[in-house]
Amino acid sequence: RLLVARGVVADPALATPGAFTGTVAPLENIDMMPAPKGGAVVYDVKPGDRVAKGARLAKIVHAPGEPGGSTEVFAPQAGLILTRRSRRIIRAGEDLLKLVGDKRSDDARSGTLED
């Protein structure tokens, strides 16, 4: 069914799929957003959301109740939220989410998205 839905294989028993309408982008457009600090994550976005450059994506609470006890993470460019971490606790440097940008990422990585 997947191959039929993608138009790779024809199967008259299944309905003819429509044209693909999703986002297509090169891997170089993926921004892997590392957490600047460790702590509890409060997301402002979910997968599939379209965001503008500079939009707040998440807040990481690392010292609850203290002045400066949270760090905000902003979109480096406009794009689409691809994935986000399901756990709400994160270590500094771990990938917080993936953003499919409208242009090439400033810190584009070569190879696969995950190690």
PDB file of N, CA and C in Angstrom:
ATOM      1  N   ARG A   1       0.807  -1.199   0.000  1.00  0.00           N
ATOM      2  CA  ARG A   1       0.000   0.000   0.000  1.00  0.00           C
ATOM      3  C   ARG A   1       0.850   1.263   0.000  1.00  0.00           C
ATOM      4  N   LEU A   2       1.982   1.195   0.702  1.00  0.00           N
ATOM      5  CA  LEU A   2       2.867   2.362   0.708  1.00  0.00           C
ATOM      6  C   LEU A   2       3.367   2.656  -0.702  1.00  0.00           C
ATOM      7  N   LEU A   3       3.810   1.622  -1.406  1.00  0.00           N
ATOM      8  CA  LEU A   3       4.311   1.826  -2.761  1.00  0.00           C
ATOM      9  C   LEU A   3       3.214   2.293  -3.706  1.00  0.00           C
ATOM     10  N   VAL A   4       2.007   1.820  -3.507  1.00  0.00           N
ATOM     11  CA  VAL A   4       0.874   2.281  -4.316  1.00  0.00           C
ATOM     12  C   VAL A   4       0.584   3.748  -4.005  1.00  0.00           C
ATOM     13  N   ALA A   5       0.600   4.097  -2.723  1.00  0.00           N
ATOM     14  CA  ALA A   5       0.331   5.480  -2.323  1.00  0.00           C
ATOM     15  C   ALA A   5       1.387   6.432  -2.865  1.00  0.00           C
ATOM     16  N   ARG A   6       2.614   5.954  -3.006  1.00  0.00           N
ATOM     17  CA  ARG A   6       3.699   6.790  -3.537  1.00  0.00           C
ATOM     18  C   ARG A   6       3.718   6.802  -5.060  1.00  0.00           C
ATOM     19  N   GLY A   7       2.864   5.979  -5.696  1.00  0.00           N
ATOM     20  CA  GLY A   7       2.823   5.953  -7.151  1.00  0.00           C
ATOM     21  C   GLY A   7       3.905   5.106  -7.782  1.00  0.00           C
ATOM     22  N   VAL A   8       4.579   4.275  -6.988  1.00  0.00           N
ATOM     23  CA  VAL A   8       5.649   3.420  -7.500  1.00  0.00           C
ATOM     24  C   VAL A   8       5.067   2.173  -8.151  1.00  0.00           C
ATOM     25  N   VAL A   9       4.014   1.628  -7.545  1.00  0.00           N
ATOM     26  CA  VAL A   9       3.369   0.410  -8.024  1.00  0.00           C
ATOM     27  C   VAL A   9       1.904   0.714  -8.287  1.00  0.00           C
ATOM     28  N   ALA A  10       1.385   0.228  -9.405  1.00  0.00           N
ATOM     29  CA  ALA A  10      -0.037   0.408  -9.714  1.00  0.00           C
ATOM     30  C   ALA A  10      -0.804  -0.800  -9.194  1.00  0.00           C
ATOM     31  N   ASP A  11      -1.911  -0.549  -8.542  1.00  0.00           N
ATOM     32  CA  ASP A  11      -2.788  -1.618  -8.068  1.00  0.00           C
ATOM     33  C   ASP A  11      -4.223  -1.169  -8.307  1.00  0.00           C
ATOM     34  N   PRO A  12      -4.865  -1.723  -9.334  1.00  0.00           N
ATOM     35  CA  PRO A  12      -6.236  -1.291  -9.649  1.00  0.00           C
ATOM     36  C   PRO A  12      -7.240  -1.570  -8.532  1.00  0.00           C
ATOM     37  N   ALA A  13      -6.909  -2.496  -7.620  1.00  0.00           N
ATOM     38  CA  ALA A  13      -7.821  -2.813  -6.521  1.00  0.00           C
ATOM     39  C   ALA A  13      -7.877  -1.678  -5.492  1.00  0.00           C
ATOM     40  N   LEU A  14      -6.848  -0.864  -5.448  1.00  0.00           N
ATOM     41  CA  LEU A  14      -6.812   0.246  -4.494  1.00  0.00           C
ATOM     42  C   LEU A  14      -7.085   1.546  -5.237  1.00  0.00           C
ATOM     43  N   ALA A  15      -7.630   2.503  -4.522  1.00  0.00           N
ATOM     44  CA  ALA A  15      -7.927   3.802  -5.133  1.00  0.00           C
ATOM     45  C   ALA A  15      -6.638   4.456  -5.615  1.00  0.00           C
ATOM     46  N   THR A  16      -6.725   5.189  -6.684  1.00  0.00           N
ATOM     47  CA  THR A  16      -5.570   5.901  -7.213  1.00  0.00           C
ATOM     48  C   THR A  16      -5.232   7.059  -6.281  1.00  0.00           C
ATOM     49  N   PRO A  17      -3.985   7.112  -5.820  1.00  0.00           N
ATOM     50  CA  PRO A  17      -3.616   8.188  -4.906  1.00  0.00           C
ATOM     51  C   PRO A  17      -3.493   9.528  -5.630  1.00  0.00           C
ATOM     52  N   GLY A  18      -3.664  10.584  -4.871  1.00  0.00           N
ATOM     53  CA  GLY A  18      -3.468  11.923  -5.429  1.00  0.00           C
ATOM     54  C   GLY A  18      -1.983  12.247  -5.455  1.00  0.00           C
ATOM     55  N   ALA A  19      -1.668  13.369  -6.008  1.00  0.00           N
ATOM     56  CA  ALA A  19      -0.277  13.804  -6.061  1.00  0.00           C
ATOM     57  C   ALA A  19       0.221  14.145  -4.660  1.00  0.00           C
ATOM     58  N   PHE A  20       1.519  13.914  -4.425  1.00  0.00           N
ATOM     59  CA  PHE A  20       2.128  14.230  -3.136  1.00  0.00           C
ATOM     60  C   PHE A  20       2.100  15.738  -2.923  1.00  0.00           C
ATOM     61  N   THR A  21       1.630  16.171  -1.769  1.00  0.00           N
ATOM     62  CA  THR A  21       1.512  17.608  -1.486  1.00  0.00           C
ATOM     63  C   THR A  21       2.340  18.032  -0.286  1.00  0.00           C
ATOM     64  N   GLY A  22       3.183  17.128   0.213  1.00  0.00           N
ATOM     65  CA  GLY A  22       3.990  17.443   1.390  1.00  0.00           C
ATOM     66  C   GLY A  22       5.190  18.316   1.061  1.00  0.00           C
ATOM     67  N   THR A  23       5.963  18.618   2.075  1.00  0.00           N
ATOM     68  CA  THR A  23       7.166  19.431   1.913  1.00  0.00           C
ATOM     69  C   THR A  23       8.315  18.568   1.428  1.00  0.00           C
ATOM     70  N   VAL A  24       9.037  19.056   0.425  1.00  0.00           N
ATOM     71  CA  VAL A  24      10.231  18.388  -0.086  1.00  0.00           C
ATOM     72  C   VAL A  24      11.387  19.366   0.080  1.00  0.00           C
ATOM     73  N   ALA A  25      12.447  18.923   0.748  1.00  0.00           N
ATOM     74  CA  ALA A  25      13.600  19.807   0.993  1.00  0.00           C
ATOM     75  C   ALA A  25      14.863  18.963   1.054  1.00  0.00           C
ATOM     76  N   PRO A  26      15.990  19.528   0.651  1.00  0.00           N
ATOM     77  CA  PRO A  26      17.253  18.788   0.773  1.00  0.00           C
ATOM     78  C   PRO A  26      17.665  18.657   2.238  1.00  0.00           C
ATOM     79  N   LEU A  27      18.454  17.643   2.544  1.00  0.00           N
ATOM     80  CA  LEU A  27      18.901  17.430   3.923  1.00  0.00           C
ATOM     81  C   LEU A  27      19.673  18.623   4.470  1.00  0.00           C
ATOM     82  N   GLU A  28      20.317  19.395   3.592  1.00  0.00           N
ATOM     83  CA  GLU A  28      21.075  20.566   4.037  1.00  0.00           C
ATOM     84  C   GLU A  28      20.185  21.642   4.646  1.00  0.00           C
ATOM     85  N   ASN A  29      18.883  21.548   4.430  1.00  0.00           N
ATOM     86  CA  ASN A  29      17.944  22.529   4.993  1.00  0.00           C
ATOM     87  C   ASN A  29      17.491  22.170   6.407  1.00  0.00           C
ATOM     88  N   ILE A  30      17.889  21.010   6.897  1.00  0.00           N
ATOM     89  CA  ILE A  30      17.457  20.573   8.223  1.00  0.00           C
ATOM     90  C   ILE A  30      18.321  21.240   9.291  1.00  0.00           C
ATOM     91  N   ASP A  31      17.671  21.954  10.194  1.00  0.00           N
ATOM     92  CA  ASP A  31      18.356  22.522  11.356  1.00  0.00           C
ATOM     93  C   ASP A  31      18.134  21.579  12.530  1.00  0.00           C
ATOM     94  N   MET A  32      19.225  21.006  13.030  1.00  0.00           N
ATOM     95  CA  MET A  32      19.161  20.184  14.235  1.00  0.00           C
ATOM     96  C   MET A  32      19.357  21.164  15.386  1.00  0.00           C
ATOM     97  N   MET A  33      18.363  21.324  16.223  1.00  0.00           N
ATOM     98  CA  MET A  33      18.388  22.340  17.261  1.00  0.00           C
ATOM     99  C   MET A  33      18.889  21.740  18.573  1.00  0.00           C
ATOM    100  N   PRO A  34      20.174  21.941  18.912  1.00  0.00           N
ATOM    101  CA  PRO A  34      20.696  21.413  20.168  1.00  0.00           C
ATOM    102  C   PRO A  34      20.243  22.263  21.357  1.00  0.00           C
ATOM    103  N   ALA A  35      20.032  21.622  22.474  1.00  0.00           N
ATOM    104  CA  ALA A  35      19.634  22.328  23.697  1.00  0.00           C
ATOM    105  C   ALA A  35      20.833  23.088  24.253  1.00  0.00           C
ATOM    106  N   PRO A  36      20.697  24.405  24.487  1.00  0.00           N
ATOM    107  CA  PRO A  36      21.814  25.174  25.033  1.00  0.00           C
ATOM    108  C   PRO A  36      22.081  24.873  26.503  1.00  0.00           C
ATOM    109  N   LYS A  37      21.074  24.388  27.211  1.00  0.00           N
ATOM    110  CA  LYS A  37      21.198  24.028  28.639  1.00  0.00           C
ATOM    111  C   LYS A  37      20.380  22.777  28.880  1.00  0.00           C
ATOM    112  N   GLY A  38      20.674  22.097  29.955  1.00  0.00           N
ATOM    113  CA  GLY A  38      19.880  20.948  30.344  1.00  0.00           C
ATOM    114  C   GLY A  38      18.740  21.378  31.249  1.00  0.00           C
ATOM    115  N   GLY A  39      17.649  20.614  31.249  1.00  0.00           N
ATOM    116  CA  GLY A  39      16.525  20.925  32.121  1.00  0.00           C
ATOM    117  C   GLY A  39      15.224  20.366  31.594  1.00  0.00           C
ATOM    118  N   ALA A  40      14.117  20.920  32.088  1.00  0.00           N
ATOM    119  CA  ALA A  40      12.777  20.509  31.658  1.00  0.00           C
ATOM    120  C   ALA A  40      12.371  21.346  30.450  1.00  0.00           C
ATOM    121  N   VAL A  41      11.830  20.681  29.426  1.00  0.00           N
ATOM    122  CA  VAL A  41      11.472  21.356  28.180  1.00  0.00           C
ATOM    123  C   VAL A  41       9.978  21.655  28.141  1.00  0.00           C
ATOM    124  N   VAL A  42       9.656  22.895  27.786  1.00  0.00           N
ATOM    125  CA  VAL A  42       8.273  23.313  27.547  1.00  0.00           C
ATOM    126  C   VAL A  42       8.226  23.763  26.086  1.00  0.00           C
ATOM    127  N   TYR A  43       7.564  22.972  25.232  1.00  0.00           N
ATOM    128  CA  TYR A  43       7.513  23.277  23.801  1.00  0.00           C
ATOM    129  C   TYR A  43       6.415  24.278  23.480  1.00  0.00           C
ATOM    130  N   ASP A  44       6.687  25.141  22.505  1.00  0.00           N
ATOM    131  CA  ASP A  44       5.692  26.059  21.967  1.00  0.00           C
ATOM    132  C   ASP A  44       5.189  25.581  20.613  1.00  0.00           C
ATOM    133  N   VAL A  45       5.813  24.545  20.062  1.00  0.00           N
ATOM    134  CA  VAL A  45       5.472  24.039  18.731  1.00  0.00           C
ATOM    135  C   VAL A  45       5.328  22.524  18.766  1.00  0.00           C
ATOM    136  N   LYS A  46       4.683  22.010  17.726  1.00  0.00           N
ATOM    137  CA  LYS A  46       4.549  20.559  17.578  1.00  0.00           C
ATOM    138  C   LYS A  46       4.902  20.198  16.137  1.00  0.00           C
ATOM    139  N   PRO A  47       5.227  18.937  15.866  1.00  0.00           N
ATOM    140  CA  PRO A  47       5.552  18.542  14.493  1.00  0.00           C
ATOM    141  C   PRO A  47       4.438  18.942  13.534  1.00  0.00           C
ATOM    142  N   GLY A  48       4.852  19.491  12.396  1.00  0.00           N
ATOM    143  CA  GLY A  48       3.893  19.944  11.387  1.00  0.00           C
ATOM    144  C   GLY A  48       3.616  21.433  11.441  1.00  0.00           C
ATOM    145  N   ASP A  49       3.980  22.095  12.542  1.00  0.00           N
ATOM    146  CA  ASP A  49       3.770  23.544  12.654  1.00  0.00           C
ATOM    147  C   ASP A  49       4.720  24.292  11.733  1.00  0.00           C
ATOM    148  N   ARG A  50       4.231  25.348  11.123  1.00  0.00           N
ATOM    149  CA  ARG A  50       5.058  26.248  10.304  1.00  0.00           C
ATOM    150  C   ARG A  50       5.467  27.409  11.206  1.00  0.00           C
ATOM    151  N   VAL A  51       6.745  27.761  11.220  1.00  0.00           N
ATOM    152  CA  VAL A  51       7.237  28.829  12.096  1.00  0.00           C
ATOM    153  C   VAL A  51       7.987  29.882  11.286  1.00  0.00           C
ATOM    154  N   ALA A  52       7.994  31.103  11.795  1.00  0.00           N
ATOM    155  CA  ALA A  52       8.739  32.202  11.193  1.00  0.00           C
ATOM    156  C   ALA A  52      10.119  32.273  11.836  1.00  0.00           C
ATOM    157  N   LYS A  53      11.046  32.905  11.152  1.00  0.00           N
ATOM    158  CA  LYS A  53      12.374  33.112  11.711  1.00  0.00           C
ATOM    159  C   LYS A  53      12.232  33.920  13.002  1.00  0.00           C
ATOM    160  N   GLY A  54      12.900  33.472  14.063  1.00  0.00           N
ATOM    161  CA  GLY A  54      12.855  34.161  15.352  1.00  0.00           C
ATOM    162  C   GLY A  54      11.720  33.742  16.253  1.00  0.00           C
ATOM    163  N   ALA A  55      10.827  32.869  15.785  1.00  0.00           N
ATOM    164  CA  ALA A  55       9.720  32.396  16.629  1.00  0.00           C
ATOM    165  C   ALA A  55      10.270  31.540  17.770  1.00  0.00           C
ATOM    166  N   ARG A  56       9.661  31.675  18.951  1.00  0.00           N
ATOM    167  CA  ARG A  56      10.100  30.844  20.076  1.00  0.00           C
ATOM    168  C   ARG A  56       9.612  29.420  19.856  1.00  0.00           C
ATOM    169  N   LEU A  57      10.547  28.478  19.941  1.00  0.00           N
ATOM    170  CA  LEU A  57      10.236  27.069  19.744  1.00  0.00           C
ATOM    171  C   LEU A  57      10.016  26.346  21.063  1.00  0.00           C
ATOM    172  N   ALA A  58      10.797  26.705  22.063  1.00  0.00           N
ATOM    173  CA  ALA A  58      10.712  26.019  23.353  1.00  0.00           C
ATOM    174  C   ALA A  58      11.375  26.861  24.430  1.00  0.00           C
ATOM    175  N   LYS A  59      11.059  26.496  25.666  1.00  0.00           N
ATOM    176  CA  LYS A  59      11.735  27.087  26.816  1.00  0.00           C
ATOM    177  C   LYS A  59      12.282  25.922  27.632  1.00  0.00           C
ATOM    178  N   ILE A  60      13.544  26.044  28.069  1.00  0.00           N
ATOM    179  CA  ILE A  60      14.162  25.021  28.909  1.00  0.00           C
ATOM    180  C   ILE A  60      14.295  25.608  30.308  1.00  0.00           C
ATOM    181  N   VAL A  61      13.637  24.976  31.262  1.00  0.00           N
ATOM    182  CA  VAL A  61      13.680  25.430  32.654  1.00  0.00           C
ATOM    183  C   VAL A  61      14.785  24.653  33.350  1.00  0.00           C
ATOM    184  N   HIS A  62      15.846  25.365  33.757  1.00  0.00           N
ATOM    185  CA  HIS A  62      16.990  24.690  34.376  1.00  0.00           C
ATOM    186  C   HIS A  62      17.178  25.085  35.836  1.00  0.00           C
ATOM    187  N   ALA A  63      16.564  26.162  36.284  1.00  0.00           N
ATOM    188  CA  ALA A  63      16.619  26.568  37.690  1.00  0.00           C
ATOM    189  C   ALA A  63      15.274  27.194  38.050  1.00  0.00           C
ATOM    190  N   PRO A  64      14.257  26.352  38.302  1.00  0.00           N
ATOM    191  CA  PRO A  64      12.902  26.850  38.540  1.00  0.00           C
ATOM    192  C   PRO A  64      12.830  27.879  39.667  1.00  0.00           C
ATOM    193  N   GLY A  65      12.125  28.957  39.398  1.00  0.00           N
ATOM    194  CA  GLY A  65      11.892  29.976  40.411  1.00  0.00           C
ATOM    195  C   GLY A  65      13.015  30.975  40.599  1.00  0.00           C
ATOM    196  N   GLU A  66      14.142  30.765  39.969  1.00  0.00           N
ATOM    197  CA  GLU A  66      15.269  31.682  40.101  1.00  0.00           C
ATOM    198  C   GLU A  66      15.293  32.657  38.933  1.00  0.00           C
ATOM    199  N   PRO A  67      15.770  33.880  39.164  1.00  0.00           N
ATOM    200  CA  PRO A  67      15.921  34.811  38.044  1.00  0.00           C
ATOM    201  C   PRO A  67      16.881  34.224  37.006  1.00  0.00           C
ATOM    202  N   GLY A  68      16.471  34.265  35.749  1.00  0.00           N
ATOM    203  CA  GLY A  68      17.305  33.683  34.698  1.00  0.00           C
ATOM    204  C   GLY A  68      17.327  32.170  34.727  1.00  0.00           C
ATOM    205  N   GLY A  69      16.340  31.565  35.345  1.00  0.00           N
ATOM    206  CA  GLY A  69      16.302  30.109  35.501  1.00  0.00           C
ATOM    207  C   GLY A  69      15.760  29.352  34.310  1.00  0.00           C
ATOM    208  N   SER A  70      15.513  30.064  33.204  1.00  0.00           N
ATOM    209  CA  SER A  70      15.055  29.380  31.996  1.00  0.00           C
ATOM    210  C   SER A  70      15.745  29.985  30.781  1.00  0.00           C
ATOM    211  N   THR A  71      15.841  29.177  29.742  1.00  0.00           N
ATOM    212  CA  THR A  71      16.476  29.594  28.493  1.00  0.00           C
ATOM    213  C   THR A  71      15.506  29.333  27.355  1.00  0.00           C
ATOM    214  N   GLU A  72      15.314  30.329  26.503  1.00  0.00           N
ATOM    215  CA  GLU A  72      14.414  30.179  25.361  1.00  0.00           C
ATOM    216  C   GLU A  72      15.208  29.780  24.123  1.00  0.00           C
ATOM    217  N   VAL A  73      14.570  28.999  23.256  1.00  0.00           N
ATOM    218  CA  VAL A  73      15.173  28.563  22.006  1.00  0.00           C
ATOM    219  C   VAL A  73      14.323  29.117  20.870  1.00  0.00           C
ATOM    220  N   PHE A  74      14.966  29.788  19.918  1.00  0.00           N
ATOM    221  CA  PHE A  74      14.268  30.458  18.825  1.00  0.00           C
ATOM    222  C   PHE A  74      14.638  29.840  17.480  1.00  0.00           C
ATOM    223  N   ALA A  75      13.734  29.961  16.507  1.00  0.00           N
ATOM    224  CA  ALA A  75      13.949  29.428  15.161  1.00  0.00           C
ATOM    225  C   ALA A  75      15.020  30.244  14.438  1.00  0.00           C
ATOM    226  N   PRO A  76      16.062  29.585  13.927  1.00  0.00           N
ATOM    227  CA  PRO A  76      17.106  30.302  13.205  1.00  0.00           C
ATOM    228  C   PRO A  76      16.668  30.738  11.807  1.00  0.00           C
ATOM    229  N   GLN A  77      15.594  30.130  11.314  1.00  0.00           N
ATOM    230  CA  GLN A  77      15.042  30.478  10.006  1.00  0.00           C
ATOM    231  C   GLN A  77      13.590  30.023   9.940  1.00  0.00           C
ATOM    232  N   ALA A  78      12.871  30.499   8.943  1.00  0.00           N
ATOM    233  CA  ALA A  78      11.481  30.071   8.749  1.00  0.00           C
ATOM    234  C   ALA A  78      11.479  28.634   8.261  1.00  0.00           C
ATOM    235  N   GLY A  79      10.458  27.885   8.638  1.00  0.00           N
ATOM    236  CA  GLY A  79      10.381  26.509   8.177  1.00  0.00           C
ATOM    237  C   GLY A  79       9.288  25.722   8.862  1.00  0.00           C
ATOM    238  N   LEU A  80       9.410  24.412   8.768  1.00  0.00           N
ATOM    239  CA  LEU A  80       8.418  23.464   9.257  1.00  0.00           C
ATOM    240  C   LEU A  80       9.045  22.602  10.348  1.00  0.00           C
ATOM    241  N   ILE A  81       8.343  22.424  11.460  1.00  0.00           N
ATOM    242  CA  ILE A  81       8.838  21.555  12.531  1.00  0.00           C
ATOM    243  C   ILE A  81       8.679  20.108  12.069  1.00  0.00           C
ATOM    244  N   LEU A  82       9.802  19.400  11.979  1.00  0.00           N
ATOM    245  CA  LEU A  82       9.786  18.010  11.516  1.00  0.00           C
ATOM    246  C   LEU A  82       9.568  17.056  12.681  1.00  0.00           C
ATOM    247  N   THR A  83      10.396  17.149  13.702  1.00  0.00           N
ATOM    248  CA  THR A  83      10.280  16.286  14.878  1.00  0.00           C
ATOM    249  C   THR A  83      10.648  17.078  16.121  1.00  0.00           C
ATOM    250  N   ARG A  84      10.283  16.533  17.261  1.00  0.00           N
ATOM    251  CA  ARG A  84      10.754  17.074  18.530  1.00  0.00           C
ATOM    252  C   ARG A  84      10.952  15.907  19.474  1.00  0.00           C
ATOM    253  N   ARG A  85      11.790  16.105  20.458  1.00  0.00           N
ATOM    254  CA  ARG A  85      12.081  15.065  21.446  1.00  0.00           C
ATOM    255  C   ARG A  85      10.805  14.771  22.246  1.00  0.00           C
ATOM    256  N   SER A  86      10.517  13.506  22.463  1.00  0.00           N
ATOM    257  CA  SER A  86       9.309  13.157  23.211  1.00  0.00           C
ATOM    258  C   SER A  86       9.517  13.283  24.724  1.00  0.00           C
ATOM    259  N   ARG A  87      10.753  13.033  25.193  1.00  0.00           N
ATOM    260  CA  ARG A  87      11.031  13.221  26.627  1.00  0.00           C
ATOM    261  C   ARG A  87      11.046  14.705  26.942  1.00  0.00           C
ATOM    262  N   ARG A  88      10.589  15.078  28.100  1.00  0.00           N
ATOM    263  CA  ARG A  88      10.546  16.483  28.486  1.00  0.00           C
ATOM    264  C   ARG A  88      11.748  16.910  29.314  1.00  0.00           C
ATOM    265  N   ILE A  89      12.692  16.010  29.528  1.00  0.00           N
ATOM    266  CA  ILE A  89      13.948  16.330  30.219  1.00  0.00           C
ATOM    267  C   ILE A  89      15.060  16.178  29.196  1.00  0.00           C
ATOM    268  N   ILE A  90      15.973  17.157  29.150  1.00  0.00           N
ATOM    269  CA  ILE A  90      17.024  17.141  28.136  1.00  0.00           C
ATOM    270  C   ILE A  90      18.361  17.540  28.752  1.00  0.00           C
ATOM    271  N   ARG A  91      19.439  17.019  28.191  1.00  0.00           N
ATOM    272  CA  ARG A  91      20.788  17.422  28.592  1.00  0.00           C
ATOM    273  C   ARG A  91      21.283  18.483  27.617  1.00  0.00           C
ATOM    274  N   ALA A  92      22.188  19.314  28.069  1.00  0.00           N
ATOM    275  CA  ALA A  92      22.781  20.324  27.197  1.00  0.00           C
ATOM    276  C   ALA A  92      23.466  19.627  26.022  1.00  0.00           C
ATOM    277  N   GLY A  93      23.215  20.137  24.817  1.00  0.00           N
ATOM    278  CA  GLY A  93      23.820  19.587  23.618  1.00  0.00           C
ATOM    279  C   GLY A  93      22.996  18.540  22.903  1.00  0.00           C
ATOM    280  N   GLU A  94      22.026  17.930  23.575  1.00  0.00           N
ATOM    281  CA  GLU A  94      21.171  16.956  22.900  1.00  0.00           C
ATOM    282  C   GLU A  94      20.246  17.689  21.931  1.00  0.00           C
ATOM    283  N   ASP A  95      19.885  17.009  20.830  1.00  0.00           N
ATOM    284  CA  ASP A  95      18.991  17.623  19.852  1.00  0.00           C
ATOM    285  C   ASP A  95      17.589  17.762  20.427  1.00  0.00           C
ATOM    286  N   LEU A  96      17.107  18.982  20.427  1.00  0.00           N
ATOM    287  CA  LEU A  96      15.796  19.326  20.959  1.00  0.00           C
ATOM    288  C   LEU A  96      14.705  19.053  19.935  1.00  0.00           C
ATOM    289  N   LEU A  97      14.949  19.499  18.695  1.00  0.00           N
ATOM    290  CA  LEU A  97      14.003  19.280  17.607  1.00  0.00           C
ATOM    291  C   LEU A  97      14.684  19.453  16.277  1.00  0.00           C
ATOM    292  N   LYS A  98      13.962  19.099  15.204  1.00  0.00           N
ATOM    293  CA  LYS A  98      14.453  19.285  13.843  1.00  0.00           C
ATOM    294  C   LYS A  98      13.509  20.243  13.131  1.00  0.00           C
ATOM    295  N   LEU A  99      14.115  21.201  12.434  1.00  0.00           N
ATOM    296  CA  LEU A  99      13.372  22.202  11.675  1.00  0.00           C
ATOM    297  C   LEU A  99      13.770  22.082  10.209  1.00  0.00           C
ATOM    298  N   VAL A 100      12.781  21.887   9.327  1.00  0.00           N
ATOM    299  CA  VAL A 100      13.041  21.870   7.891  1.00  0.00           C
ATOM    300  C   VAL A 100      12.942  23.311   7.425  1.00  0.00           C
ATOM    301  N   GLY A 101      14.087  23.914   7.173  1.00  0.00           N
ATOM    302  CA  GLY A 101      14.128  25.322   6.818  1.00  0.00           C
ATOM    303  C   GLY A 101      13.813  25.589   5.360  1.00  0.00           C
ATOM    304  N   ASP A 102      13.472  26.833   5.077  1.00  0.00           N
ATOM    305  CA  ASP A 102      13.204  27.254   3.707  1.00  0.00           C
ATOM    306  C   ASP A 102      14.497  27.445   2.917  1.00  0.00           C
ATOM    307  N   LYS A 103      15.629  27.493   3.620  1.00  0.00           N
ATOM    308  CA  LYS A 103      16.926  27.650   2.954  1.00  0.00           C
ATOM    309  C   LYS A 103      17.940  26.728   3.634  1.00  0.00           C
ATOM    310  N   ARG A 104      19.153  26.714   3.113  1.00  0.00           N
ATOM    311  CA  ARG A 104      20.202  25.869   3.671  1.00  0.00           C
ATOM    312  C   ARG A 104      20.508  26.294   5.107  1.00  0.00           C
ATOM    313  N   SER A 105      20.673  25.325   5.977  1.00  0.00           N
ATOM    314  CA  SER A 105      20.992  25.583   7.376  1.00  0.00           C
ATOM    315  C   SER A 105      22.392  26.170   7.501  1.00  0.00           C
ATOM    316  N   ASP A 106      22.571  27.106   8.420  1.00  0.00           N
ATOM    317  CA  ASP A 106      23.892  27.680   8.665  1.00  0.00           C
ATOM    318  C   ASP A 106      24.866  26.649   9.236  1.00  0.00           C
ATOM    319  N   ASP A 107      24.335  25.617   9.911  1.00  0.00           N
ATOM    320  CA  ASP A 107      25.201  24.576  10.461  1.00  0.00           C
ATOM    321  C   ASP A 107      24.829  23.203   9.885  1.00  0.00           C
ATOM    322  N   ALA A 108      24.615  23.169   8.578  1.00  0.00           N
ATOM    323  CA  ALA A 108      24.230  21.919   7.903  1.00  0.00           C
ATOM    324  C   ALA A 108      25.259  20.835   8.180  1.00  0.00           C
ATOM    325  N   ARG A 109      24.756  19.643   8.480  1.00  0.00           N
ATOM    326  CA  ARG A 109      25.615  18.492   8.746  1.00  0.00           C
ATOM    327  C   ARG A 109      25.601  17.585   7.529  1.00  0.00           C
ATOM    328  N   SER A 110      26.717  16.958   7.242  1.00  0.00           N
ATOM    329  CA  SER A 110      26.734  15.995   6.147  1.00  0.00           C
ATOM    330  C   SER A 110      26.355  14.620   6.685  1.00  0.00           C
ATOM    331  N   GLY A 111      25.880  13.769   5.814  1.00  0.00           N
ATOM    332  CA  GLY A 111      25.521  12.408   6.223  1.00  0.00           C
ATOM    333  C   GLY A 111      24.105  12.319   6.750  1.00  0.00           C
ATOM    334  N   THR A 112      23.878  11.320   7.585  1.00  0.00           N
ATOM    335  CA  THR A 112      22.550  11.060   8.105  1.00  0.00           C
ATOM    336  C   THR A 112      22.167  12.074   9.186  1.00  0.00           C
ATOM    337  N   LEU A 113      20.866  12.155   9.462  1.00  0.00           N
ATOM    338  CA  LEU A 113      20.386  13.083  10.491  1.00  0.00           C
ATOM    339  C   LEU A 113      20.642  12.564  11.902  1.00  0.00           C
ATOM    340  N   GLU A 114      20.712  11.273  12.042  1.00  0.00           N
ATOM    341  CA  GLU A 114      20.933  10.651  13.349  1.00  0.00           C
ATOM    342  C   GLU A 114      22.198   9.829  13.317  1.00  0.00           C
ATOM    343  N   ASP A 115      22.942   9.794  14.409  1.00  0.00           N
ATOM    344  CA  ASP A 115      24.160   8.983  14.486  1.00  0.00           C
ATOM    345  C   ASP A 115      23.831   7.584  14.929  1.00  0.00           C
TER     346      ASP A 115
END
